[in-house]
Amino acid sequence: MRFSAPSLLTLVLLTCNAIPLDAQDVAGVAEADVTTPSGSRGVMVRPLGPGPYPAVLHLHGSGDTVRPNVEILRLFAQAGYVAMDIEYRRTPGGSIDIGDIQTSLQYLNGLRYVRSGVIGLNGFSLGARMALLLAAREKVGAVSGIAARTTSMSNPTVLDQAGKLTCPILLQHGTADSVVPYQDSVLLESKLRALGRNVELISYPGADHGTLPWNQVYGKVLAFFRTHLR
């Protein structure tokens, strides 16, 4: 995702009252390129200090790369999380390698400045689907899925595996999404509620895939993680 000025970071820090005002200074974080044990390359941004801190694995959308998402990693780091995004590796068949993302999650969880077991997943579009699929395989603290496809693009689908999703889940979706049907989030929320899960769907009337009100979206994400990643 790419954002225009004023930056997402500035907007969210000014509007989300879950973040202290002194966090508006984007200094005070450490940023570094990383390579996971499987060879995946990415970027990590974390608060200065020894920690340990809760962590967020951010998964970007289709056609995007890590570098344009560093602003989001900085946003998480300013809120007190170790945040990482990686470039996707593909299987011989050409699909995104969920096993490699799982390895990246395990790598993040094992870092000395990460509070072990206190990790959330945040994803947009393809990244949201991968976050939900990963949460069906690995124990995570919470999942934020923005514009997630749940009824197709994997076998089994996210909706098929809803019973394996046990952590708190925040879904956000524009009702006029022309890329990922809004109904996909509606169906997943309905199924998770029927299973007694902790799930919330926030809808944005008239918003398309790329025209979500990002300051509101990430304000909700930060408030959600503040509650569930401790």
C-alpha atoms as a PDB file:
ATOM      1  CA  MET A   1       0.000   0.000   0.000  1.00  0.00           C
ATOM      2  CA  ARG A   2       1.214   3.475  -0.791  1.00  0.00           C
ATOM      3  CA  PHE A   3      -0.015   6.542   1.077  1.00  0.00           C
ATOM      4  CA  SER A   4      -0.053  10.214   0.202  1.00  0.00           C
ATOM      5  CA  ALA A   5       0.788  13.180   2.442  1.00  0.00           C
ATOM      6  CA  PRO A   6      -0.074  13.793   5.181  1.00  0.00           C
ATOM      7  CA  SER A   7       1.400  10.397   5.970  1.00  0.00           C
ATOM      8  CA  LEU A   8      -0.544   7.543   7.479  1.00  0.00           C
ATOM      9  CA  LEU A   9       1.815   7.611  10.448  1.00  0.00           C
ATOM     10  CA  THR A  10       1.068  11.263  11.231  1.00  0.00           C
ATOM     11  CA  LEU A  11      -2.676  10.853  10.743  1.00  0.00           C
ATOM     12  CA  VAL A  12      -3.013   7.814  12.959  1.00  0.00           C
ATOM     13  CA  LEU A  13      -0.817   9.130  15.731  1.00  0.00           C
ATOM     14  CA  LEU A  14      -2.836  12.326  15.808  1.00  0.00           C
ATOM     15  CA  THR A  15      -6.261  10.669  15.722  1.00  0.00           C
ATOM     16  CA  CYS A  16      -5.888   7.412  17.668  1.00  0.00           C
ATOM     17  CA  ASN A  17      -6.198   8.243  21.340  1.00  0.00           C
ATOM     18  CA  ALA A  18      -4.746   4.830  22.223  1.00  0.00           C
ATOM     19  CA  ILE A  19      -1.323   6.264  21.302  1.00  0.00           C
ATOM     20  CA  PRO A  20       0.390   8.777  23.609  1.00  0.00           C
ATOM     21  CA  LEU A  21       1.048  12.194  22.106  1.00  0.00           C
ATOM     22  CA  ASP A  22       4.805  11.908  22.505  1.00  0.00           C
ATOM     23  CA  ALA A  23       4.711   8.969  20.035  1.00  0.00           C
ATOM     24  CA  GLN A  24       4.234  11.530  17.252  1.00  0.00           C
ATOM     25  CA  ASP A  25       8.036  11.796  17.120  1.00  0.00           C
ATOM     26  CA  VAL A  26       8.967   9.073  14.638  1.00  0.00           C
ATOM     27  CA  ALA A  27      12.520   8.963  15.991  1.00  0.00           C
ATOM     28  CA  GLY A  28      13.442   6.430  18.626  1.00  0.00           C
ATOM     29  CA  VAL A  29      13.025   3.240  16.621  1.00  0.00           C
ATOM     30  CA  ALA A  30      15.595   0.855  15.183  1.00  0.00           C
ATOM     31  CA  GLU A  31      15.158  -0.177  11.535  1.00  0.00           C
ATOM     32  CA  ALA A  32      17.076  -2.972   9.826  1.00  0.00           C
ATOM     33  CA  ASP A  33      16.996  -5.334   6.868  1.00  0.00           C
ATOM     34  CA  VAL A  34      16.494  -8.948   7.948  1.00  0.00           C
ATOM     35  CA  THR A  35      16.923 -12.393   6.414  1.00  0.00           C
ATOM     36  CA  THR A  36      15.013 -15.279   7.963  1.00  0.00           C
ATOM     37  CA  PRO A  37      16.456 -18.808   8.312  1.00  0.00           C
ATOM     38  CA  SER A  38      14.631 -19.843   5.110  1.00  0.00           C
ATOM     39  CA  GLY A  39      16.257 -16.998   3.176  1.00  0.00           C
ATOM     40  CA  SER A  40      13.296 -14.610   3.028  1.00  0.00           C
ATOM     41  CA  ARG A  41      14.315 -10.972   3.033  1.00  0.00           C
ATOM     42  CA  GLY A  42      12.429  -8.186   4.714  1.00  0.00           C
ATOM     43  CA  VAL A  43      12.531  -5.213   7.048  1.00  0.00           C
ATOM     44  CA  MET A  44      12.109  -5.014  10.808  1.00  0.00           C
ATOM     45  CA  VAL A  45      11.362  -1.874  12.803  1.00  0.00           C
ATOM     46  CA  ARG A  46      11.346  -2.007  16.591  1.00  0.00           C
ATOM     47  CA  PRO A  47      11.365   0.258  19.626  1.00  0.00           C
ATOM     48  CA  LEU A  48      14.775   1.151  21.001  1.00  0.00           C
ATOM     49  CA  GLY A  49      15.609  -0.704  24.167  1.00  0.00           C
ATOM     50  CA  PRO A  50      16.078  -4.340  25.135  1.00  0.00           C
ATOM     51  CA  GLY A  51      12.399  -5.219  25.440  1.00  0.00           C
ATOM     52  CA  PRO A  52      10.927  -7.729  25.293  1.00  0.00           C
ATOM     53  CA  TYR A  53       8.062  -6.214  23.303  1.00  0.00           C
ATOM     54  CA  PRO A  54       4.963  -7.698  21.697  1.00  0.00           C
ATOM     55  CA  ALA A  55       5.344  -8.133  17.947  1.00  0.00           C
ATOM     56  CA  VAL A  56       3.369  -7.788  14.716  1.00  0.00           C
ATOM     57  CA  LEU A  57       4.036  -9.644  11.480  1.00  0.00           C
ATOM     58  CA  HIS A  58       2.646  -7.425   8.726  1.00  0.00           C
ATOM     59  CA  LEU A  59       1.716  -9.103   5.440  1.00  0.00           C
ATOM     60  CA  HIS A  60       1.387  -6.810   2.424  1.00  0.00           C
ATOM     61  CA  GLY A  61      -0.997  -7.133  -0.489  1.00  0.00           C
ATOM     62  CA  SER A  62      -0.624  -8.686  -3.931  1.00  0.00           C
ATOM     63  CA  GLY A  63       1.694  -6.811  -6.295  1.00  0.00           C
ATOM     64  CA  ASP A  64       3.205  -4.867  -3.407  1.00  0.00           C
ATOM     65  CA  THR A  65       6.612  -5.216  -1.769  1.00  0.00           C
ATOM     66  CA  VAL A  66       8.086  -4.632   1.665  1.00  0.00           C
ATOM     67  CA  ARG A  67       9.637  -1.219   1.045  1.00  0.00           C
ATOM     68  CA  PRO A  68       6.383   0.771   0.550  1.00  0.00           C
ATOM     69  CA  ASN A  69       5.071  -0.813   3.775  1.00  0.00           C
ATOM     70  CA  VAL A  70       7.907   0.354   6.021  1.00  0.00           C
ATOM     71  CA  GLU A  71       5.749   3.317   7.055  1.00  0.00           C
ATOM     72  CA  ILE A  72       3.276   0.840   8.555  1.00  0.00           C
ATOM     73  CA  LEU A  73       6.092  -0.979  10.359  1.00  0.00           C
ATOM     74  CA  ARG A  74       7.215   2.347  11.835  1.00  0.00           C
ATOM     75  CA  LEU A  75       3.659   2.991  12.979  1.00  0.00           C
ATOM     76  CA  PHE A  76       3.633  -0.292  14.879  1.00  0.00           C
ATOM     77  CA  ALA A  77       7.118   0.303  16.317  1.00  0.00           C
ATOM     78  CA  GLN A  78       6.101   3.730  17.598  1.00  0.00           C
ATOM     79  CA  ALA A  79       3.171   2.044  19.350  1.00  0.00           C
ATOM     80  CA  GLY A  80       5.549  -0.359  21.123  1.00  0.00           C
ATOM     81  CA  TYR A  81       5.694  -3.397  18.813  1.00  0.00           C
ATOM     82  CA  VAL A  82       8.512  -5.160  17.015  1.00  0.00           C
ATOM     83  CA  ALA A  83       7.168  -5.118  13.454  1.00  0.00           C
ATOM     84  CA  MET A  84       8.347  -7.112  10.438  1.00  0.00           C
ATOM     85  CA  ASP A  85       7.324  -7.579   6.813  1.00  0.00           C
ATOM     86  CA  ILE A  86       8.925 -10.042   4.384  1.00  0.00           C
ATOM     87  CA  GLU A  87       8.987 -10.529   0.628  1.00  0.00           C
ATOM     88  CA  TYR A  88       6.865 -13.500  -0.352  1.00  0.00           C
ATOM     89  CA  ARG A  89       8.450 -16.681  -1.630  1.00  0.00           C
ATOM     90  CA  ARG A  90       6.526 -18.909  -4.010  1.00  0.00           C
ATOM     91  CA  THR A  91       6.060 -22.641  -4.268  1.00  0.00           C
ATOM     92  CA  PRO A  92       7.072 -24.488  -7.480  1.00  0.00           C
ATOM     93  CA  GLY A  93       3.415 -24.197  -8.492  1.00  0.00           C
ATOM     94  CA  GLY A  94       3.572 -20.406  -8.264  1.00  0.00           C
ATOM     95  CA  SER A  95       1.424 -19.821  -5.182  1.00  0.00           C
ATOM     96  CA  ILE A  96       2.543 -17.907  -2.091  1.00  0.00           C
ATOM     97  CA  ASP A  97       4.466 -20.240   0.234  1.00  0.00           C
ATOM     98  CA  ILE A  98       2.468 -20.205   3.489  1.00  0.00           C
ATOM     99  CA  GLY A  99       5.106 -22.460   5.035  1.00  0.00           C
ATOM    100  CA  ASP A 100       7.749 -19.805   4.455  1.00  0.00           C
ATOM    101  CA  ILE A 101       5.548 -17.168   6.121  1.00  0.00           C
ATOM    102  CA  GLN A 102       5.106 -19.596   9.016  1.00  0.00           C
ATOM    103  CA  THR A 103       8.908 -19.845   9.301  1.00  0.00           C
ATOM    104  CA  SER A 104       9.113 -16.040   9.367  1.00  0.00           C
ATOM    105  CA  LEU A 105       6.577 -15.936  12.198  1.00  0.00           C
ATOM    106  CA  GLN A 106       8.623 -18.452  14.171  1.00  0.00           C
ATOM    107  CA  TYR A 107      11.784 -16.430  13.516  1.00  0.00           C
ATOM    108  CA  LEU A 108      10.117 -13.272  14.815  1.00  0.00           C
ATOM    109  CA  ASN A 109       8.831 -15.097  17.892  1.00  0.00           C
ATOM    110  CA  GLY A 110      12.339 -16.305  18.732  1.00  0.00           C
ATOM    111  CA  LEU A 111      14.063 -12.915  18.791  1.00  0.00           C
ATOM    112  CA  ARG A 112      15.412 -11.860  22.188  1.00  0.00           C
ATOM    113  CA  TYR A 113      13.599  -8.516  22.163  1.00  0.00           C
ATOM    114  CA  VAL A 114      10.214 -10.107  21.310  1.00  0.00           C
ATOM    115  CA  ARG A 115       7.911 -11.242  24.103  1.00  0.00           C
ATOM    116  CA  SER A 116       7.553 -14.899  23.241  1.00  0.00           C
ATOM    117  CA  GLY A 117       4.043 -15.908  22.241  1.00  0.00           C
ATOM    118  CA  VAL A 118       2.725 -12.335  22.104  1.00  0.00           C
ATOM    119  CA  ILE A 119       2.517 -11.843  18.347  1.00  0.00           C
ATOM    120  CA  GLY A 120      -0.238 -10.475  16.151  1.00  0.00           C
ATOM    121  CA  LEU A 121      -0.770 -10.667  12.397  1.00  0.00           C
ATOM    122  CA  ASN A 122      -1.858  -7.722  10.263  1.00  0.00           C
ATOM    123  CA  GLY A 123      -2.591  -8.093   6.574  1.00  0.00           C
ATOM    124  CA  PHE A 124      -4.168  -6.273   3.641  1.00  0.00           C
ATOM    125  CA  SER A 125      -5.903  -8.086   0.764  1.00  0.00           C
ATOM    126  CA  LEU A 126      -3.672 -11.066  -0.131  1.00  0.00           C
ATOM    127  CA  GLY A 127      -1.816 -10.438   3.123  1.00  0.00           C
ATOM    128  CA  ALA A 128      -5.076 -10.561   5.081  1.00  0.00           C
ATOM    129  CA  ARG A 129      -5.951 -13.926   3.569  1.00  0.00           C
ATOM    130  CA  MET A 130      -2.472 -15.264   4.329  1.00  0.00           C
ATOM    131  CA  ALA A 131      -2.709 -13.945   7.911  1.00  0.00           C
ATOM    132  CA  LEU A 132      -5.977 -15.804   8.466  1.00  0.00           C
ATOM    133  CA  LEU A 133      -4.632 -18.994   6.880  1.00  0.00           C
ATOM    134  CA  LEU A 134      -1.542 -18.762   9.073  1.00  0.00           C
ATOM    135  CA  ALA A 135      -3.658 -18.233  12.201  1.00  0.00           C
ATOM    136  CA  ALA A 136      -5.436 -21.499  11.397  1.00  0.00           C
ATOM    137  CA  ARG A 137      -2.038 -23.254  11.602  1.00  0.00           C
ATOM    138  CA  GLU A 138      -0.106 -21.346  14.285  1.00  0.00           C
ATOM    139  CA  LYS A 139      -0.994 -19.967  17.686  1.00  0.00           C
ATOM    140  CA  VAL A 140      -1.061 -16.152  17.514  1.00  0.00           C
ATOM    141  CA  GLY A 141      -2.408 -13.492  19.842  1.00  0.00           C
ATOM    142  CA  ALA A 142      -4.698 -11.658  17.422  1.00  0.00           C
ATOM    143  CA  VAL A 143      -5.323 -11.150  13.693  1.00  0.00           C
ATOM    144  CA  SER A 144      -6.230  -7.972  11.831  1.00  0.00           C
ATOM    145  CA  GLY A 145      -7.483  -8.688   8.308  1.00  0.00           C
ATOM    146  CA  ILE A 146      -8.171  -5.744   5.993  1.00  0.00           C
ATOM    147  CA  ALA A 147     -10.145  -6.587   2.822  1.00  0.00           C
ATOM    148  CA  ALA A 148      -9.613 -10.343   3.231  1.00  0.00           C
ATOM    149  CA  ARG A 149     -10.712 -12.871   0.623  1.00  0.00           C
ATOM    150  CA  THR A 150     -12.189 -15.797   2.539  1.00  0.00           C
ATOM    151  CA  THR A 151     -14.257 -17.842   0.055  1.00  0.00           C
ATOM    152  CA  SER A 152     -11.687 -18.632  -2.645  1.00  0.00           C
ATOM    153  CA  MET A 153      -8.003 -18.480  -3.713  1.00  0.00           C
ATOM    154  CA  SER A 154      -6.948 -21.362  -1.460  1.00  0.00           C
ATOM    155  CA  ASN A 155      -7.985 -24.962  -0.917  1.00  0.00           C
ATOM    156  CA  PRO A 156      -9.259 -25.208   1.764  1.00  0.00           C
ATOM    157  CA  THR A 157     -10.431 -21.598   1.927  1.00  0.00           C
ATOM    158  CA  VAL A 158     -10.269 -19.368   4.981  1.00  0.00           C
ATOM    159  CA  LEU A 159     -14.011 -19.861   5.443  1.00  0.00           C
ATOM    160  CA  ASP A 160     -13.540 -23.639   5.345  1.00  0.00           C
ATOM    161  CA  GLN A 161     -11.023 -23.348   8.187  1.00  0.00           C
ATOM    162  CA  ALA A 162     -12.996 -20.945  10.355  1.00  0.00           C
ATOM    163  CA  GLY A 163     -13.236 -23.567  13.087  1.00  0.00           C
ATOM    164  CA  LYS A 164      -9.454 -23.428  13.513  1.00  0.00           C
ATOM    165  CA  LEU A 165      -9.462 -19.662  14.075  1.00  0.00           C
ATOM    166  CA  THR A 166      -9.563 -19.257  17.842  1.00  0.00           C
ATOM    167  CA  CYS A 167      -7.782 -15.937  18.524  1.00  0.00           C
ATOM    168  CA  PRO A 168      -9.487 -12.505  18.498  1.00  0.00           C
ATOM    169  CA  ILE A 169     -10.029 -11.306  14.919  1.00  0.00           C
ATOM    170  CA  LEU A 170     -10.655  -7.810  13.550  1.00  0.00           C
ATOM    171  CA  LEU A 171     -12.014  -7.594   9.994  1.00  0.00           C
ATOM    172  CA  GLN A 172     -12.259  -4.312   8.075  1.00  0.00           C
ATOM    173  CA  HIS A 173     -13.684  -3.968   4.579  1.00  0.00           C
ATOM    174  CA  GLY A 174     -15.111  -1.392   2.193  1.00  0.00           C
ATOM    175  CA  THR A 175     -18.665  -2.159   1.074  1.00  0.00           C
ATOM    176  CA  ALA A 176     -17.889  -1.141  -2.537  1.00  0.00           C
ATOM    177  CA  ASP A 177     -14.709  -3.220  -2.832  1.00  0.00           C
ATOM    178  CA  SER A 178     -14.294  -4.102  -6.537  1.00  0.00           C
ATOM    179  CA  VAL A 179     -11.324  -6.447  -5.960  1.00  0.00           C
ATOM    180  CA  VAL A 180     -12.247  -8.549  -2.922  1.00  0.00           C
ATOM    181  CA  PRO A 181     -16.011  -8.908  -2.343  1.00  0.00           C
ATOM    182  CA  TYR A 182     -17.202  -7.270   0.863  1.00  0.00           C
ATOM    183  CA  GLN A 183     -19.405 -10.317   1.391  1.00  0.00           C
ATOM    184  CA  ASP A 184     -16.284 -12.398   2.055  1.00  0.00           C
ATOM    185  CA  SER A 185     -15.745 -10.583   5.363  1.00  0.00           C
ATOM    186  CA  VAL A 186     -19.469 -10.707   6.164  1.00  0.00           C
ATOM    187  CA  LEU A 187     -19.530 -14.490   5.713  1.00  0.00           C
ATOM    188  CA  LEU A 188     -16.434 -15.060   7.846  1.00  0.00           C
ATOM    189  CA  GLU A 189     -17.721 -12.835  10.638  1.00  0.00           C
ATOM    190  CA  SER A 190     -21.059 -14.651  10.611  1.00  0.00           C
ATOM    191  CA  LYS A 191     -19.428 -18.078  10.764  1.00  0.00           C
ATOM    192  CA  LEU A 192     -17.027 -17.088  13.534  1.00  0.00           C
ATOM    193  CA  ARG A 193     -19.839 -15.560  15.585  1.00  0.00           C
ATOM    194  CA  ALA A 194     -21.815 -18.784  15.225  1.00  0.00           C
ATOM    195  CA  LEU A 195     -18.769 -20.601  16.610  1.00  0.00           C
ATOM    196  CA  GLY A 196     -18.637 -18.238  19.591  1.00  0.00           C
ATOM    197  CA  ARG A 197     -15.387 -16.589  18.531  1.00  0.00           C
ATOM    198  CA  ASN A 198     -14.197 -13.079  19.405  1.00  0.00           C
ATOM    199  CA  VAL A 199     -14.646 -11.298  16.051  1.00  0.00           C
ATOM    200  CA  GLU A 200     -15.563  -7.811  14.875  1.00  0.00           C
ATOM    201  CA  LEU A 201     -16.271  -6.536  11.357  1.00  0.00           C
ATOM    202  CA  ILE A 202     -15.908  -2.821  10.704  1.00  0.00           C
ATOM    203  CA  SER A 203     -17.505  -1.760   7.422  1.00  0.00           C
ATOM    204  CA  TYR A 204     -16.756   1.366   5.390  1.00  0.00           C
ATOM    205  CA  PRO A 205     -19.794   2.319   3.292  1.00  0.00           C
ATOM    206  CA  GLY A 206     -18.874   3.203  -0.290  1.00  0.00           C
ATOM    207  CA  ALA A 207     -15.144   2.507   0.126  1.00  0.00           C
ATOM    208  CA  ASP A 208     -13.341   0.565  -2.607  1.00  0.00           C
ATOM    209  CA  HIS A 209     -10.303  -1.677  -2.222  1.00  0.00           C
ATOM    210  CA  GLY A 210      -7.763   1.131  -2.371  1.00  0.00           C
ATOM    211  CA  THR A 211      -9.836   4.005  -1.010  1.00  0.00           C
ATOM    212  CA  LEU A 212     -10.317   2.938   2.585  1.00  0.00           C
ATOM    213  CA  PRO A 213      -9.926   5.730   5.172  1.00  0.00           C
ATOM    214  CA  TRP A 214      -6.484   4.518   6.221  1.00  0.00           C
ATOM    215  CA  ASN A 215      -6.180   6.723   9.297  1.00  0.00           C
ATOM    216  CA  GLN A 216      -9.406   5.223  10.683  1.00  0.00           C
ATOM    217  CA  VAL A 217      -8.439   1.709   9.614  1.00  0.00           C
ATOM    218  CA  TYR A 218      -5.072   1.775  11.360  1.00  0.00           C
ATOM    219  CA  GLY A 219      -6.449   3.581  14.369  1.00  0.00           C
ATOM    220  CA  LYS A 220      -8.765   0.587  14.790  1.00  0.00           C
ATOM    221  CA  VAL A 221      -5.879  -1.846  14.247  1.00  0.00           C
ATOM    222  CA  LEU A 222      -3.756  -0.188  16.922  1.00  0.00           C
ATOM    223  CA  ALA A 223      -6.621  -0.094  19.420  1.00  0.00           C
ATOM    224  CA  PHE A 224      -7.343  -3.774  18.698  1.00  0.00           C
ATOM    225  CA  PHE A 225      -3.740  -4.853  19.255  1.00  0.00           C
ATOM    226  CA  ARG A 226      -3.496  -2.677  22.345  1.00  0.00           C
ATOM    227  CA  THR A 227      -6.328  -4.753  23.837  1.00  0.00           C
ATOM    228  CA  HIS A 228      -5.205  -8.214  22.719  1.00  0.00           C
ATOM    229  CA  LEU A 229      -1.394  -8.123  22.545  1.00  0.00           C
ATOM    230  CA  ARG A 230      -0.079  -7.711  26.088  1.00  0.00           C
END
